[in-house]
C-alpha atoms as a PDB file:
ATOM      1  CA  UNK A   1     104.473 193.753  80.434  1.00  0.00           C
ATOM      2  CA  UNK A   2     106.341 192.797  83.605  1.00  0.00           C
ATOM      3  CA  UNK A   3     107.003 196.469  84.391  1.00  0.00           C
ATOM      4  CA  UNK A   4     103.267 197.268  84.115  1.00  0.00           C
ATOM      5  CA  UNK A   5     102.449 194.334  86.384  1.00  0.00           C
ATOM      6  CA  UNK A   6     105.000 195.641  88.866  1.00  0.00           C
ATOM      7  CA  UNK A   7     103.408 199.106  88.749  1.00  0.00           C
ATOM      8  CA  UNK A   8      99.962 197.609  89.356  1.00  0.00           C
ATOM      9  CA  UNK A   9     101.341 195.597  92.258  1.00  0.00           C
ATOM     10  CA  UNK A  10     102.939 198.715  93.763  1.00  0.00           C
ATOM     11  CA  UNK A  11      99.516 200.405  93.651  1.00  0.00           C
ATOM     12  CA  UNK A  12      97.974 197.472  95.528  1.00  0.00           C
ATOM     13  CA  UNK A  13      96.595 195.730  92.456  1.00  0.00           C
ATOM     14  CA  UNK A  14      96.707 192.006  91.813  1.00  0.00           C
ATOM     15  CA  UNK A  15      96.183 190.578  88.351  1.00  0.00           C
ATOM     16  CA  UNK A  16      94.443 187.331  87.524  1.00  0.00           C
ATOM     17  CA  UNK A  17      92.607 186.029  84.497  1.00  0.00           C
ATOM     18  CA  UNK A  18      89.690 183.657  84.147  1.00  0.00           C
ATOM     19  CA  UNK A  19      88.574 181.702  81.103  1.00  0.00           C
ATOM     20  CA  UNK A  20      86.555 178.687  80.028  1.00  0.00           C
ATOM     21  CA  UNK A  21      89.804 176.843  79.327  1.00  0.00           C
ATOM     22  CA  UNK A  22      90.706 173.763  81.339  1.00  0.00           C
ATOM     23  CA  UNK A  23      93.440 174.036  83.974  1.00  0.00           C
ATOM     24  CA  UNK A  24      95.749 172.125  81.641  1.00  0.00           C
ATOM     25  CA  UNK A  25      95.123 174.565  78.781  1.00  0.00           C
ATOM     26  CA  UNK A  26      95.652 177.534  81.097  1.00  0.00           C
ATOM     27  CA  UNK A  27      98.900 176.061  82.401  1.00  0.00           C
ATOM     28  CA  UNK A  28     100.175 175.448  78.866  1.00  0.00           C
ATOM     29  CA  UNK A  29      99.284 179.009  77.849  1.00  0.00           C
ATOM     30  CA  UNK A  30     100.955 180.474  80.934  1.00  0.00           C
ATOM     31  CA  UNK A  31     104.124 178.528  80.210  1.00  0.00           C
ATOM     32  CA  UNK A  32     104.247 179.303  76.488  1.00  0.00           C
ATOM     33  CA  UNK A  33     103.429 183.013  76.915  1.00  0.00           C
ATOM     34  CA  UNK A  34     105.489 183.355  80.120  1.00  0.00           C
ATOM     35  CA  UNK A  35     102.470 184.651  82.034  1.00  0.00           C
ATOM     36  CA  UNK A  36     103.320 185.198  85.687  1.00  0.00           C
ATOM     37  CA  UNK A  37      99.858 185.950  87.105  1.00  0.00           C
ATOM     38  CA  UNK A  38      97.222 183.315  87.932  1.00  0.00           C
ATOM     39  CA  UNK A  39      95.059 181.966  85.102  1.00  0.00           C
ATOM     40  CA  UNK A  40      91.869 180.591  86.591  1.00  0.00           C
ATOM     41  CA  UNK A  41      89.719 177.959  84.918  1.00  0.00           C
ATOM     42  CA  UNK A  42      85.920 178.228  84.795  1.00  0.00           C
ATOM     43  CA  UNK A  43      84.766 175.648  82.194  1.00  0.00           C
ATOM     44  CA  UNK A  44      81.232 175.632  83.643  1.00  0.00           C
ATOM     45  CA  UNK A  45      81.103 179.469  83.412  1.00  0.00           C
ATOM     46  CA  UNK A  46      79.884 179.948  86.983  1.00  0.00           C
ATOM     47  CA  UNK A  47      82.022 183.012  87.719  1.00  0.00           C
ATOM     48  CA  UNK A  48      81.946 184.154  84.093  1.00  0.00           C
ATOM     49  CA  UNK A  49      78.134 184.146  84.229  1.00  0.00           C
ATOM     50  CA  UNK A  50      78.069 185.833  87.654  1.00  0.00           C
ATOM     51  CA  UNK A  51      79.914 188.777  86.091  1.00  0.00           C
ATOM     52  CA  UNK A  52      77.825 188.684  82.895  1.00  0.00           C
ATOM     53  CA  UNK A  53      80.794 187.880  80.685  1.00  0.00           C
ATOM     54  CA  UNK A  54      79.703 184.831  78.704  1.00  0.00           C
ATOM     55  CA  UNK A  55      80.077 185.396  74.964  1.00  0.00           C
ATOM     56  CA  UNK A  56      77.984 182.599  73.516  1.00  0.00           C
ATOM     57  CA  UNK A  57      79.333 180.892  70.413  1.00  0.00           C
ATOM     58  CA  UNK A  58      82.296 183.247  70.103  1.00  0.00           C
ATOM     59  CA  UNK A  59      85.149 180.743  70.231  1.00  0.00           C
ATOM     60  CA  UNK A  60      86.815 179.502  67.073  1.00  0.00           C
ATOM     61  CA  UNK A  61      85.000 176.167  67.415  1.00  0.00           C
ATOM     62  CA  UNK A  62      81.649 177.825  68.174  1.00  0.00           C
ATOM     63  CA  UNK A  63      81.720 177.308  71.927  1.00  0.00           C
ATOM     64  CA  UNK A  64      81.245 179.925  74.601  1.00  0.00           C
ATOM     65  CA  UNK A  65      84.108 182.087  75.850  1.00  0.00           C
ATOM     66  CA  UNK A  66      84.534 184.850  78.402  1.00  0.00           C
ATOM     67  CA  UNK A  67      84.191 188.366  77.044  1.00  0.00           C
ATOM     68  CA  UNK A  68      87.328 190.485  77.595  1.00  0.00           C
ATOM     69  CA  UNK A  69      86.857 192.525  80.747  1.00  0.00           C
ATOM     70  CA  UNK A  70      88.775 194.204  83.522  1.00  0.00           C
ATOM     71  CA  UNK A  71      87.385 194.577  87.015  1.00  0.00           C
ATOM     72  CA  UNK A  72      89.020 196.490  89.825  1.00  0.00           C
ATOM     73  CA  UNK A  73      87.708 195.229  93.134  1.00  0.00           C
ATOM     74  CA  UNK A  74      88.302 197.569  96.069  1.00  0.00           C
ATOM     75  CA  UNK A  75      89.416 196.549  99.543  1.00  0.00           C
ATOM     76  CA  UNK A  76      85.766 196.181 100.601  1.00  0.00           C
ATOM     77  CA  UNK A  77      85.138 193.630  97.831  1.00  0.00           C
ATOM     78  CA  UNK A  78      83.070 196.008  95.694  1.00  0.00           C
ATOM     79  CA  UNK A  79      83.574 196.673  92.008  1.00  0.00           C
ATOM     80  CA  UNK A  80      85.288 200.065  91.872  1.00  0.00           C
ATOM     81  CA  UNK A  81      85.753 200.128  88.091  1.00  0.00           C
ATOM     82  CA  UNK A  82      85.132 197.900  85.113  1.00  0.00           C
ATOM     83  CA  UNK A  83      85.801 197.870  81.407  1.00  0.00           C
ATOM     84  CA  UNK A  84      83.893 195.500  79.141  1.00  0.00           C
ATOM     85  CA  UNK A  85      84.201 194.915  75.425  1.00  0.00           C
ATOM     86  CA  UNK A  86      82.163 193.074  72.837  1.00  0.00           C
ATOM     87  CA  UNK A  87      85.230 192.189  70.749  1.00  0.00           C
ATOM     88  CA  UNK A  88      87.709 189.613  72.064  1.00  0.00           C
ATOM     89  CA  UNK A  89      90.477 191.360  70.108  1.00  0.00           C
ATOM     90  CA  UNK A  90      89.998 194.633  72.023  1.00  0.00           C
ATOM     91  CA  UNK A  91      91.822 194.914  75.338  1.00  0.00           C
ATOM     92  CA  UNK A  92      92.085 197.620  77.960  1.00  0.00           C
ATOM     93  CA  UNK A  93      95.394 199.470  77.890  1.00  0.00           C
ATOM     94  CA  UNK A  94      97.489 198.992  81.045  1.00  0.00           C
ATOM     95  CA  UNK A  95      97.701 202.777  81.429  1.00  0.00           C
ATOM     96  CA  UNK A  96      93.929 202.922  81.937  1.00  0.00           C
ATOM     97  CA  UNK A  97      94.112 200.308  84.662  1.00  0.00           C
ATOM     98  CA  UNK A  98      96.964 202.118  86.397  1.00  0.00           C
ATOM     99  CA  UNK A  99      95.009 205.372  86.238  1.00  0.00           C
ATOM    100  CA  UNK A 100      92.029 203.726  87.934  1.00  0.00           C
ATOM    101  CA  UNK A 101      94.187 202.066  90.593  1.00  0.00           C
ATOM    102  CA  UNK A 102      95.710 205.456  91.424  1.00  0.00           C
ATOM    103  CA  UNK A 103      92.208 206.805  92.128  1.00  0.00           C
ATOM    104  CA  UNK A 104      91.484 204.208  94.805  1.00  0.00           C
ATOM    105  CA  UNK A 105      91.675 205.369  98.419  1.00  0.00           C
END
């Protein structure tokens, strides 16, 4: 995974994740999974809702979670590409992200 992150970085990409988890939960996950990119916390779903990513009742305990998604934001702050999924188990392959980053001017 680190090599893919390095490739994304070399193409000008920066990776971050956002979830409904508390900062403490995100920190614990980052430490246990050795995640090196920022994990942002949005328990009130303000940003999650702004991007239309709230998956109501989809967490194990029946709460809301963020739908898996990837957004590539260009240098002008506009969404250049996005991939959304209805299934939290389905993730975008890093190769797809790299391909899209390579297309950016």
